[in-house]
Amino acid sequence: MTDQDYLKLLNAKKFSDCRIQVEPYTHYCHKIILAGISEFFEGLLLKSPNLENGAYLLNDVSTETFCKFIRYAYTKNVKDFDKYSDSTIMELFECGSKWLVKQLASVCMELLKKRAESMACDGLLNLFEFSVKLNNNDLLVESKYNLIERFPASLNCYDALCMDSKAFEYYFKAIQGALPEVERFRMVQSYTEKTENSDGGGDEKCEE
């Protein structure tokens, strides 16, 4: 079967044997495909559906990202990945990590590492925060290296103050030696003032 054949199978509701609900849509899928690619889905599909309509609810992923994940699950095709935004690749990487799809996670990680070489400073800061969230040392090292080597004059920037508290703590330690100590502690003071003045506390995000 070709990729197109599998995509036709994905879109043929009458042949599906499970439904995955990712608000606001219900996706008609096939257990053998999902269980074959993911131990997470294998375990999930052995249980009874967690919704009254017979569907399985996933509430930790967007429909847009899940559609791309399902397309990969059915075709194993990564040609479109080069067209995806950095944020989409990060979301797919997170899906691959938490749903135990090692090949997907590996493809996304290598692509992010490659893209890091040309990311702007704000993109690298997003990647740094993301790597802390997922506790991924490879991406943490890559984003740290590119930030320090390519943007030494921008390490104490407003975007850095937009990180959540855990990522900022990692960042403060990561730039030790790359930024004068007085600048580092001014940055801490600015971060503290910002979080104290915000209603959302340390997890407030900057506007894009």
N, C-alpha and C. Protein backbone atom coordinates (compact mmCIF):
# COMPACT_ATOMS: atom_id res chain seq x y z
N MET A 1 0.83 -1.20 0.00
CA MET A 1 0.00 0.00 0.00
C MET A 1 0.87 1.25 0.00
N THR A 2 0.43 2.26 -0.72
CA THR A 2 1.16 3.52 -0.79
C THR A 2 0.68 4.46 0.31
N ASP A 3 1.39 5.60 0.44
CA ASP A 3 0.97 6.60 1.42
C ASP A 3 -0.46 7.05 1.16
N GLN A 4 -0.79 7.22 -0.10
CA GLN A 4 -2.12 7.67 -0.46
C GLN A 4 -3.19 6.64 -0.08
N ASP A 5 -2.83 5.37 -0.20
CA ASP A 5 -3.77 4.31 0.19
C ASP A 5 -4.07 4.38 1.68
N TYR A 6 -3.02 4.61 2.47
CA TYR A 6 -3.21 4.71 3.92
C TYR A 6 -4.00 5.96 4.29
N LEU A 7 -3.78 7.06 3.55
CA LEU A 7 -4.54 8.27 3.81
C LEU A 7 -6.01 8.06 3.49
N LYS A 8 -6.29 7.32 2.43
CA LYS A 8 -7.68 7.00 2.10
C LYS A 8 -8.32 6.17 3.21
N LEU A 9 -7.52 5.25 3.76
CA LEU A 9 -8.00 4.43 4.87
C LEU A 9 -8.32 5.31 6.08
N LEU A 10 -7.48 6.28 6.32
CA LEU A 10 -7.68 7.19 7.45
C LEU A 10 -8.99 7.96 7.30
N ASN A 11 -9.30 8.34 6.08
CA ASN A 11 -10.48 9.16 5.84
C ASN A 11 -11.76 8.35 5.62
N ALA A 12 -11.64 7.02 5.63
CA ALA A 12 -12.82 6.18 5.41
C ALA A 12 -13.44 5.80 6.74
N LYS A 13 -14.44 6.54 7.16
CA LYS A 13 -15.06 6.34 8.48
C LYS A 13 -15.64 4.93 8.64
N LYS A 14 -16.19 4.38 7.55
CA LYS A 14 -16.89 3.10 7.68
C LYS A 14 -15.96 1.95 8.02
N PHE A 15 -14.65 2.13 7.83
CA PHE A 15 -13.71 1.07 8.15
C PHE A 15 -13.00 1.30 9.49
N SER A 16 -13.28 2.40 10.15
CA SER A 16 -12.60 2.70 11.41
C SER A 16 -13.18 1.87 12.54
N ASP A 17 -12.36 1.60 13.56
CA ASP A 17 -12.84 0.83 14.70
C ASP A 17 -12.57 1.52 16.03
N CYS A 18 -12.16 2.79 15.98
CA CYS A 18 -12.01 3.58 17.21
C CYS A 18 -12.10 5.06 16.86
N ARG A 19 -12.51 5.82 17.83
CA ARG A 19 -12.62 7.26 17.65
C ARG A 19 -11.80 7.98 18.72
N ILE A 20 -11.02 8.95 18.28
CA ILE A 20 -10.22 9.76 19.19
C ILE A 20 -10.75 11.18 19.14
N GLN A 21 -11.17 11.69 20.27
CA GLN A 21 -11.73 13.04 20.31
C GLN A 21 -10.69 14.02 20.82
N VAL A 22 -10.38 14.97 19.96
CA VAL A 22 -9.50 16.09 20.31
C VAL A 22 -10.31 17.34 19.99
N GLU A 23 -10.75 18.02 21.01
CA GLU A 23 -11.69 19.12 20.83
C GLU A 23 -11.24 20.09 19.74
N PRO A 24 -12.17 20.46 18.88
CA PRO A 24 -13.60 20.14 18.90
C PRO A 24 -13.98 19.01 17.95
N TYR A 25 -12.99 18.24 17.48
CA TYR A 25 -13.26 17.24 16.45
C TYR A 25 -13.11 15.81 16.96
N THR A 26 -13.80 14.89 16.27
CA THR A 26 -13.64 13.47 16.51
C THR A 26 -12.94 12.86 15.31
N HIS A 27 -11.85 12.14 15.57
CA HIS A 27 -11.04 11.54 14.51
C HIS A 27 -11.34 10.04 14.45
N TYR A 28 -11.67 9.57 13.27
CA TYR A 28 -11.98 8.15 13.06
C TYR A 28 -10.70 7.42 12.68
N CYS A 29 -10.28 6.49 13.53
CA CYS A 29 -8.97 5.86 13.37
C CYS A 29 -9.08 4.33 13.40
N HIS A 30 -7.93 3.68 13.36
CA HIS A 30 -7.86 2.22 13.33
C HIS A 30 -6.91 1.75 14.43
N LYS A 31 -7.41 0.89 15.28
CA LYS A 31 -6.63 0.44 16.43
C LYS A 31 -5.29 -0.16 16.03
N ILE A 32 -5.28 -0.95 14.97
CA ILE A 32 -4.06 -1.64 14.59
C ILE A 32 -2.96 -0.65 14.18
N ILE A 33 -3.36 0.48 13.60
CA ILE A 33 -2.39 1.50 13.20
C ILE A 33 -1.83 2.21 14.42
N LEU A 34 -2.73 2.66 15.30
CA LEU A 34 -2.29 3.41 16.49
C LEU A 34 -1.51 2.53 17.46
N ALA A 35 -2.01 1.32 17.70
CA ALA A 35 -1.32 0.42 18.62
C ALA A 35 0.01 -0.04 18.05
N GLY A 36 0.09 -0.12 16.72
CA GLY A 36 1.33 -0.57 16.11
C GLY A 36 2.45 0.45 16.18
N ILE A 37 2.08 1.72 16.30
CA ILE A 37 3.11 2.77 16.32
C ILE A 37 3.40 3.27 17.73
N SER A 38 2.49 3.01 18.68
CA SER A 38 2.61 3.64 19.99
C SER A 38 2.16 2.72 21.12
N GLU A 39 3.04 2.49 22.08
CA GLU A 39 2.68 1.71 23.27
C GLU A 39 1.64 2.45 24.09
N PHE A 40 1.68 3.77 24.03
CA PHE A 40 0.68 4.56 24.76
C PHE A 40 -0.72 4.26 24.24
N PHE A 41 -0.88 4.30 22.92
CA PHE A 41 -2.19 4.03 22.34
C PHE A 41 -2.58 2.56 22.49
N GLU A 42 -1.61 1.67 22.48
CA GLU A 42 -1.90 0.26 22.71
C GLU A 42 -2.57 0.08 24.07
N GLY A 43 -2.00 0.74 25.08
CA GLY A 43 -2.58 0.65 26.42
C GLY A 43 -3.92 1.35 26.51
N LEU A 44 -4.01 2.52 25.86
CA LEU A 44 -5.26 3.28 25.90
C LEU A 44 -6.41 2.51 25.26
N LEU A 45 -6.14 1.90 24.11
CA LEU A 45 -7.20 1.24 23.35
C LEU A 45 -7.63 -0.10 23.94
N LEU A 46 -6.87 -0.61 24.90
CA LEU A 46 -7.27 -1.82 25.61
C LEU A 46 -8.30 -1.51 26.70
N LYS A 47 -8.41 -0.22 27.02
CA LYS A 47 -9.37 0.21 28.02
C LYS A 47 -10.69 0.60 27.35
N SER A 48 -11.71 0.75 28.15
CA SER A 48 -12.99 1.21 27.62
C SER A 48 -12.89 2.70 27.29
N PRO A 49 -13.62 3.16 26.26
CA PRO A 49 -13.61 4.60 25.92
C PRO A 49 -14.00 5.43 27.13
N ASN A 50 -13.37 6.60 27.25
CA ASN A 50 -13.64 7.43 28.43
C ASN A 50 -14.69 8.51 28.17
N LEU A 51 -15.40 8.42 27.05
CA LEU A 51 -16.50 9.32 26.78
C LEU A 51 -17.77 8.52 26.51
N GLU A 52 -18.91 9.11 26.82
CA GLU A 52 -20.18 8.41 26.64
C GLU A 52 -20.48 8.08 25.18
N ASN A 53 -19.92 8.87 24.26
CA ASN A 53 -20.18 8.62 22.85
C ASN A 53 -19.28 7.53 22.26
N GLY A 54 -18.50 6.87 23.12
CA GLY A 54 -17.66 5.78 22.67
C GLY A 54 -16.30 6.19 22.14
N ALA A 55 -15.95 7.44 22.34
CA ALA A 55 -14.66 7.94 21.86
C ALA A 55 -13.66 8.02 23.02
N TYR A 56 -12.39 8.07 22.66
CA TYR A 56 -11.32 8.28 23.64
C TYR A 56 -10.92 9.75 23.59
N LEU A 57 -10.91 10.38 24.75
CA LEU A 57 -10.62 11.81 24.81
C LEU A 57 -9.12 12.05 25.04
N LEU A 58 -8.54 12.91 24.21
CA LEU A 58 -7.17 13.40 24.43
C LEU A 58 -7.28 14.91 24.62
N ASN A 59 -6.87 15.39 25.77
CA ASN A 59 -7.01 16.82 26.06
C ASN A 59 -5.68 17.53 26.23
N ASP A 60 -4.59 16.88 25.83
CA ASP A 60 -3.28 17.50 25.99
C ASP A 60 -2.60 17.76 24.66
N VAL A 61 -3.39 17.90 23.60
CA VAL A 61 -2.85 18.16 22.27
C VAL A 61 -3.91 18.91 21.47
N SER A 62 -3.46 19.76 20.55
CA SER A 62 -4.40 20.48 19.69
C SER A 62 -4.83 19.59 18.53
N THR A 63 -5.99 19.89 17.98
CA THR A 63 -6.47 19.12 16.84
C THR A 63 -5.52 19.25 15.66
N GLU A 64 -4.99 20.45 15.43
CA GLU A 64 -4.07 20.68 14.31
C GLU A 64 -2.84 19.77 14.42
N THR A 65 -2.27 19.69 15.61
CA THR A 65 -1.09 18.86 15.82
C THR A 65 -1.45 17.38 15.74
N PHE A 66 -2.61 17.02 16.28
CA PHE A 66 -3.01 15.61 16.24
C PHE A 66 -3.23 15.16 14.80
N CYS A 67 -3.78 16.02 13.96
CA CYS A 67 -3.96 15.68 12.54
C CYS A 67 -2.61 15.36 11.89
N LYS A 68 -1.60 16.14 12.21
CA LYS A 68 -0.27 15.89 11.65
C LYS A 68 0.32 14.61 12.23
N PHE A 69 0.06 14.35 13.50
CA PHE A 69 0.53 13.12 14.11
C PHE A 69 -0.11 11.90 13.45
N ILE A 70 -1.42 11.96 13.25
CA ILE A 70 -2.14 10.85 12.63
C ILE A 70 -1.65 10.61 11.20
N ARG A 71 -1.40 11.68 10.49
CA ARG A 71 -0.90 11.55 9.12
C ARG A 71 0.44 10.81 9.13
N TYR A 72 1.29 11.14 10.11
CA TYR A 72 2.57 10.44 10.24
C TYR A 72 2.34 8.98 10.63
N ALA A 73 1.42 8.74 11.56
CA ALA A 73 1.16 7.39 12.03
C ALA A 73 0.73 6.46 10.90
N TYR A 74 -0.03 7.00 9.96
CA TYR A 74 -0.55 6.17 8.87
C TYR A 74 0.44 6.03 7.71
N THR A 75 1.30 7.01 7.51
CA THR A 75 2.16 6.98 6.32
C THR A 75 3.65 6.88 6.62
N LYS A 76 4.05 7.25 7.84
CA LYS A 76 5.48 7.33 8.22
C LYS A 76 6.24 8.31 7.34
N ASN A 77 5.53 9.19 6.68
CA ASN A 77 6.13 10.15 5.75
C ASN A 77 6.53 11.41 6.50
N VAL A 78 7.80 11.80 6.37
CA VAL A 78 8.28 12.99 7.07
C VAL A 78 8.65 14.10 6.09
N LYS A 79 8.29 13.94 4.82
CA LYS A 79 8.66 14.94 3.81
C LYS A 79 8.06 16.30 4.12
N ASP A 80 6.85 16.31 4.68
CA ASP A 80 6.18 17.59 4.97
C ASP A 80 6.76 18.28 6.20
N PHE A 81 7.57 17.61 6.97
CA PHE A 81 8.06 18.18 8.21
C PHE A 81 8.89 19.44 7.97
N ASP A 82 9.58 19.49 6.85
CA ASP A 82 10.39 20.67 6.56
C ASP A 82 9.53 21.92 6.39
N LYS A 83 8.25 21.73 6.08
CA LYS A 83 7.34 22.86 5.89
C LYS A 83 6.71 23.31 7.20
N TYR A 84 6.80 22.49 8.22
CA TYR A 84 6.16 22.82 9.50
C TYR A 84 6.96 23.88 10.25
N SER A 85 6.26 24.67 11.02
CA SER A 85 6.92 25.69 11.84
C SER A 85 7.69 25.03 12.98
N ASP A 86 8.59 25.81 13.57
CA ASP A 86 9.37 25.30 14.71
C ASP A 86 8.44 24.87 15.84
N SER A 87 7.41 25.66 16.10
CA SER A 87 6.50 25.34 17.20
C SER A 87 5.75 24.03 16.92
N THR A 88 5.39 23.79 15.66
CA THR A 88 4.71 22.55 15.31
C THR A 88 5.63 21.35 15.50
N ILE A 89 6.88 21.50 15.10
CA ILE A 89 7.85 20.41 15.28
C ILE A 89 8.04 20.12 16.76
N MET A 90 8.07 21.17 17.59
CA MET A 90 8.18 20.96 19.04
C MET A 90 6.97 20.20 19.57
N GLU A 91 5.78 20.57 19.08
CA GLU A 91 4.57 19.89 19.54
C GLU A 91 4.56 18.43 19.11
N LEU A 92 5.03 18.15 17.90
CA LEU A 92 5.11 16.76 17.43
C LEU A 92 6.17 15.99 18.21
N PHE A 93 7.25 16.67 18.54
CA PHE A 93 8.28 16.04 19.36
C PHE A 93 7.72 15.66 20.73
N GLU A 94 6.92 16.55 21.30
CA GLU A 94 6.31 16.26 22.60
C GLU A 94 5.35 15.08 22.48
N CYS A 95 4.59 15.03 21.39
CA CYS A 95 3.68 13.90 21.16
C CYS A 95 4.48 12.60 21.06
N GLY A 96 5.55 12.64 20.29
CA GLY A 96 6.37 11.44 20.13
C GLY A 96 6.98 10.99 21.45
N SER A 97 7.32 11.94 22.29
CA SER A 97 7.93 11.61 23.59
C SER A 97 6.92 11.02 24.56
N LYS A 98 5.78 11.69 24.73
CA LYS A 98 4.83 11.23 25.74
C LYS A 98 4.00 10.04 25.28
N TRP A 99 3.88 9.87 23.94
CA TRP A 99 3.12 8.73 23.41
C TRP A 99 4.02 7.58 22.98
N LEU A 100 5.31 7.69 23.30
CA LEU A 100 6.27 6.61 23.09
C LEU A 100 6.41 6.21 21.62
N VAL A 101 6.46 7.22 20.77
CA VAL A 101 6.71 7.00 19.34
C VAL A 101 8.15 7.46 19.09
N LYS A 102 9.08 6.56 19.31
CA LYS A 102 10.50 6.92 19.32
C LYS A 102 10.98 7.48 17.99
N GLN A 103 10.53 6.89 16.90
CA GLN A 103 11.00 7.35 15.59
C GLN A 103 10.56 8.78 15.32
N LEU A 104 9.33 9.11 15.67
CA LEU A 104 8.83 10.47 15.49
C LEU A 104 9.62 11.44 16.36
N ALA A 105 9.84 11.08 17.61
CA ALA A 105 10.61 11.95 18.51
C ALA A 105 12.01 12.17 17.98
N SER A 106 12.64 11.13 17.46
CA SER A 106 14.00 11.22 16.94
C SER A 106 14.06 12.14 15.72
N VAL A 107 13.11 11.98 14.80
CA VAL A 107 13.07 12.83 13.60
C VAL A 107 12.91 14.29 13.98
N CYS A 108 12.00 14.57 14.90
CA CYS A 108 11.74 15.95 15.32
C CYS A 108 12.94 16.55 16.05
N MET A 109 13.59 15.76 16.89
CA MET A 109 14.74 16.27 17.62
C MET A 109 15.88 16.64 16.67
N GLU A 110 16.16 15.78 15.71
CA GLU A 110 17.23 16.07 14.76
C GLU A 110 16.91 17.29 13.92
N LEU A 111 15.65 17.45 13.58
CA LEU A 111 15.25 18.62 12.80
C LEU A 111 15.38 19.90 13.62
N LEU A 112 15.01 19.84 14.89
CA LEU A 112 15.14 21.02 15.76
C LEU A 112 16.60 21.37 15.99
N LYS A 113 17.44 20.38 16.15
CA LYS A 113 18.87 20.63 16.34
C LYS A 113 19.47 21.30 15.10
N LYS A 114 19.03 20.86 13.94
CA LYS A 114 19.51 21.45 12.69
C LYS A 114 19.01 22.87 12.54
N ARG A 115 17.73 23.08 12.85
CA ARG A 115 17.15 24.42 12.72
C ARG A 115 17.73 25.40 13.72
N ALA A 116 18.19 24.90 14.86
CA ALA A 116 18.74 25.78 15.90
C ALA A 116 19.89 26.62 15.37
N GLU A 117 20.60 26.11 14.39
CA GLU A 117 21.75 26.82 13.83
C GLU A 117 21.35 28.11 13.12
N SER A 118 20.08 28.22 12.74
CA SER A 118 19.64 29.43 12.04
C SER A 118 18.46 30.12 12.72
N MET A 119 18.08 29.64 13.89
CA MET A 119 16.97 30.28 14.61
C MET A 119 17.37 31.66 15.10
N ALA A 120 16.38 32.56 15.15
CA ALA A 120 16.60 33.86 15.78
C ALA A 120 16.68 33.68 17.29
N CYS A 121 17.07 34.75 17.98
CA CYS A 121 17.26 34.66 19.43
C CYS A 121 15.98 34.24 20.15
N ASP A 122 14.84 34.81 19.77
CA ASP A 122 13.60 34.46 20.46
C ASP A 122 13.22 33.00 20.21
N GLY A 123 13.52 32.49 19.01
CA GLY A 123 13.25 31.10 18.72
C GLY A 123 14.10 30.17 19.56
N LEU A 124 15.36 30.54 19.75
CA LEU A 124 16.26 29.74 20.58
C LEU A 124 15.83 29.76 22.04
N LEU A 125 15.33 30.89 22.50
CA LEU A 125 14.83 30.97 23.88
C LEU A 125 13.60 30.07 24.05
N ASN A 126 12.75 30.04 23.04
CA ASN A 126 11.59 29.14 23.08
C ASN A 126 12.04 27.69 23.11
N LEU A 127 13.06 27.38 22.30
CA LEU A 127 13.58 26.02 22.26
C LEU A 127 14.22 25.65 23.59
N PHE A 128 14.92 26.60 24.20
CA PHE A 128 15.55 26.36 25.50
C PHE A 128 14.48 26.05 26.55
N GLU A 129 13.44 26.86 26.58
CA GLU A 129 12.36 26.64 27.56
C GLU A 129 11.67 25.31 27.31
N PHE A 130 11.47 24.98 26.04
CA PHE A 130 10.84 23.72 25.67
C PHE A 130 11.69 22.54 26.13
N SER A 131 13.00 22.63 25.95
CA SER A 131 13.89 21.53 26.33
C SER A 131 13.89 21.32 27.84
N VAL A 132 13.73 22.40 28.60
CA VAL A 132 13.63 22.28 30.05
C VAL A 132 12.32 21.59 30.42
N LYS A 133 11.25 21.98 29.77
CA LYS A 133 9.93 21.39 30.02
C LYS A 133 9.96 19.88 29.80
N LEU A 134 10.64 19.44 28.73
CA LEU A 134 10.67 18.02 28.41
C LEU A 134 11.89 17.31 29.00
N ASN A 135 12.72 18.07 29.70
CA ASN A 135 13.93 17.50 30.30
C ASN A 135 14.79 16.80 29.26
N ASN A 136 14.97 17.49 28.12
CA ASN A 136 15.75 16.93 27.02
C ASN A 136 17.11 17.62 26.95
N ASN A 137 18.14 16.91 27.35
CA ASN A 137 19.47 17.50 27.45
C ASN A 137 20.06 17.84 26.09
N ASP A 138 19.78 17.04 25.07
CA ASP A 138 20.33 17.31 23.74
C ASP A 138 19.87 18.67 23.21
N LEU A 139 18.59 18.95 23.31
CA LEU A 139 18.07 20.23 22.84
C LEU A 139 18.49 21.37 23.75
N LEU A 140 18.64 21.08 25.03
CA LEU A 140 19.09 22.09 25.98
C LEU A 140 20.50 22.54 25.62
N VAL A 141 21.38 21.59 25.36
CA VAL A 141 22.77 21.90 25.00
C VAL A 141 22.82 22.67 23.68
N GLU A 142 22.02 22.24 22.71
CA GLU A 142 22.04 22.88 21.39
C GLU A 142 21.55 24.32 21.46
N SER A 143 20.46 24.54 22.17
CA SER A 143 19.92 25.90 22.27
C SER A 143 20.86 26.79 23.08
N LYS A 144 21.43 26.27 24.14
CA LYS A 144 22.38 27.04 24.95
C LYS A 144 23.60 27.43 24.12
N TYR A 145 24.16 26.49 23.38
CA TYR A 145 25.35 26.77 22.56
C TYR A 145 25.08 27.88 21.55
N ASN A 146 23.96 27.79 20.84
CA ASN A 146 23.65 28.78 19.82
C ASN A 146 23.33 30.15 20.41
N LEU A 147 22.69 30.17 21.56
CA LEU A 147 22.42 31.45 22.22
C LEU A 147 23.71 32.16 22.61
N ILE A 148 24.61 31.42 23.24
CA ILE A 148 25.85 32.02 23.73
C ILE A 148 26.79 32.39 22.59
N GLU A 149 26.90 31.52 21.58
CA GLU A 149 27.82 31.76 20.49
C GLU A 149 27.33 32.81 19.51
N ARG A 150 26.03 32.85 19.25
CA ARG A 150 25.51 33.72 18.20
C ARG A 150 24.88 35.00 18.72
N PHE A 151 24.42 34.99 19.97
CA PHE A 151 23.72 36.16 20.50
C PHE A 151 24.26 36.56 21.88
N PRO A 152 25.56 36.71 22.02
CA PRO A 152 26.12 37.05 23.35
C PRO A 152 25.63 38.40 23.88
N ALA A 153 25.33 39.32 22.97
CA ALA A 153 24.89 40.65 23.40
C ALA A 153 23.40 40.70 23.72
N SER A 154 22.70 39.61 23.45
CA SER A 154 21.24 39.61 23.64
C SER A 154 20.79 38.65 24.74
N LEU A 155 21.73 38.14 25.51
CA LEU A 155 21.37 37.15 26.53
C LEU A 155 20.47 37.75 27.61
N ASN A 156 20.70 39.01 27.94
CA ASN A 156 19.86 39.68 28.93
C ASN A 156 18.81 40.48 28.17
N CYS A 157 17.82 39.79 27.64
CA CYS A 157 16.79 40.45 26.84
C CYS A 157 15.43 40.23 27.47
N TYR A 158 14.45 40.99 27.00
CA TYR A 158 13.12 40.91 27.59
C TYR A 158 12.50 39.54 27.38
N ASP A 159 12.77 38.91 26.24
CA ASP A 159 12.19 37.59 25.97
C ASP A 159 12.62 36.57 27.02
N ALA A 160 13.82 36.74 27.55
CA ALA A 160 14.28 35.81 28.59
C ALA A 160 13.43 35.92 29.85
N LEU A 161 12.88 37.10 30.08
CA LEU A 161 12.03 37.32 31.27
C LEU A 161 10.66 36.70 31.11
N CYS A 162 10.35 36.22 29.89
CA CYS A 162 9.04 35.62 29.63
C CYS A 162 9.02 34.13 29.93
N MET A 163 10.16 33.55 30.28
CA MET A 163 10.20 32.12 30.59
C MET A 163 9.47 31.82 31.90
N ASP A 164 9.02 30.58 32.04
CA ASP A 164 8.47 30.20 33.34
C ASP A 164 9.62 30.08 34.34
N SER A 165 9.29 29.95 35.59
CA SER A 165 10.30 30.03 36.65
C SER A 165 11.36 28.94 36.55
N LYS A 166 10.95 27.72 36.20
CA LYS A 166 11.91 26.62 36.11
C LYS A 166 12.88 26.85 34.97
N ALA A 167 12.37 27.24 33.80
CA ALA A 167 13.24 27.49 32.66
C ALA A 167 14.18 28.66 32.92
N PHE A 168 13.67 29.70 33.59
CA PHE A 168 14.52 30.86 33.88
C PHE A 168 15.66 30.47 34.82
N GLU A 169 15.38 29.61 35.78
CA GLU A 169 16.43 29.15 36.69
C GLU A 169 17.53 28.42 35.91
N TYR A 170 17.13 27.55 34.98
CA TYR A 170 18.09 26.85 34.14
C TYR A 170 18.87 27.83 33.27
N TYR A 171 18.16 28.81 32.75
CA TYR A 171 18.80 29.80 31.87
C TYR A 171 19.82 30.63 32.63
N PHE A 172 19.47 31.03 33.85
CA PHE A 172 20.38 31.82 34.68
C PHE A 172 21.69 31.07 34.91
N LYS A 173 21.58 29.77 35.15
CA LYS A 173 22.78 28.96 35.35
C LYS A 173 23.52 28.73 34.03
N ALA A 174 22.78 28.58 32.94
CA ALA A 174 23.38 28.27 31.64
C ALA A 174 24.27 29.39 31.12
N ILE A 175 23.91 30.63 31.40
CA ILE A 175 24.67 31.74 30.85
C ILE A 175 25.76 32.24 31.80
N GLN A 176 26.00 31.49 32.86
CA GLN A 176 27.09 31.85 33.77
C GLN A 176 28.41 31.82 33.00
N GLY A 177 29.16 32.89 33.08
CA GLY A 177 30.43 33.00 32.37
C GLY A 177 30.28 33.65 31.01
N ALA A 178 29.08 33.64 30.46
CA ALA A 178 28.84 34.27 29.15
C ALA A 178 28.33 35.69 29.31
N LEU A 179 27.84 36.01 30.50
CA LEU A 179 27.31 37.33 30.80
C LEU A 179 27.93 37.81 32.11
N PRO A 180 28.37 39.06 32.18
CA PRO A 180 28.95 39.57 33.43
C PRO A 180 28.00 39.33 34.60
N GLU A 181 28.58 39.03 35.76
CA GLU A 181 27.76 38.71 36.93
C GLU A 181 26.78 39.83 37.27
N VAL A 182 27.23 41.07 37.12
CA VAL A 182 26.34 42.19 37.45
C VAL A 182 25.13 42.19 36.52
N GLU A 183 25.33 41.82 35.25
CA GLU A 183 24.22 41.76 34.31
C GLU A 183 23.27 40.60 34.63
N ARG A 184 23.85 39.48 35.03
CA ARG A 184 23.03 38.33 35.39
C ARG A 184 22.11 38.65 36.56
N PHE A 185 22.64 39.33 37.55
CA PHE A 185 21.83 39.62 38.73
C PHE A 185 20.85 40.77 38.48
N ARG A 186 21.19 41.65 37.55
CA ARG A 186 20.20 42.65 37.13
C ARG A 186 19.04 41.96 36.44
N MET A 187 19.37 40.92 35.67
CA MET A 187 18.33 40.16 34.99
C MET A 187 17.42 39.47 36.00
N VAL A 188 17.99 38.91 37.06
CA VAL A 188 17.20 38.29 38.11
C VAL A 188 16.28 39.32 38.77
N GLN A 189 16.83 40.50 39.01
CA GLN A 189 16.03 41.56 39.62
C GLN A 189 14.86 41.95 38.71
N SER A 190 15.13 42.06 37.42
CA SER A 190 14.07 42.40 36.46
C SER A 190 13.01 41.30 36.40
N TYR A 191 13.48 40.04 36.45
CA TYR A 191 12.55 38.92 36.40
C TYR A 191 11.66 38.91 37.63
N THR A 192 12.27 39.17 38.79
CA THR A 192 11.51 39.20 40.04
C THR A 192 10.47 40.31 40.03
N GLU A 193 10.89 41.49 39.56
CA GLU A 193 9.96 42.62 39.50
C GLU A 193 8.82 42.33 38.54
N LYS A 194 9.13 41.71 37.43
CA LYS A 194 8.11 41.40 36.43
C LYS A 194 7.08 40.41 36.98
N THR A 195 7.57 39.37 37.64
CA THR A 195 6.64 38.36 38.17
C THR A 195 5.81 38.92 39.32
N GLU A 196 6.41 39.79 40.12
CA GLU A 196 5.67 40.38 41.24
C GLU A 196 4.57 41.32 40.76
N ASN A 197 4.81 41.95 39.59
CA ASN A 197 3.84 42.92 39.07
C ASN A 197 2.80 42.30 38.15
N SER A 198 2.95 41.01 37.87
CA SER A 198 2.00 40.36 36.96
C SER A 198 0.97 39.57 37.74
N ASP A 199 -0.24 39.54 37.23
CA ASP A 199 -1.31 38.80 37.89
C ASP A 199 -1.10 37.30 37.79
N GLY A 200 -0.44 36.86 36.69
CA GLY A 200 -0.27 35.43 36.46
C GLY A 200 0.92 34.83 37.14
N GLY A 201 1.72 35.61 37.86
CA GLY A 201 2.88 35.07 38.54
C GLY A 201 3.99 34.73 37.58
N GLY A 202 4.84 33.77 37.96
CA GLY A 202 6.05 33.46 37.20
C GLY A 202 5.79 32.77 35.88
N ASP A 203 4.58 32.32 35.61
CA ASP A 203 4.33 31.59 34.38
C ASP A 203 3.68 32.46 33.31
N GLU A 204 3.62 33.76 33.52
CA GLU A 204 3.04 34.65 32.52
C GLU A 204 3.92 34.65 31.28
N LYS A 205 3.28 34.63 30.12
CA LYS A 205 4.02 34.61 28.87
C LYS A 205 3.95 35.98 28.22
N CYS A 206 5.01 36.33 27.50
CA CYS A 206 5.04 37.60 26.77
C CYS A 206 4.18 37.50 25.54
N GLU A 207 3.68 38.60 25.09
CA GLU A 207 2.92 38.63 23.87
C GLU A 207 3.85 38.39 22.70
N GLU A 208 3.36 37.69 21.69
CA GLU A 208 4.17 37.42 20.50
C GLU A 208 4.01 38.54 19.50
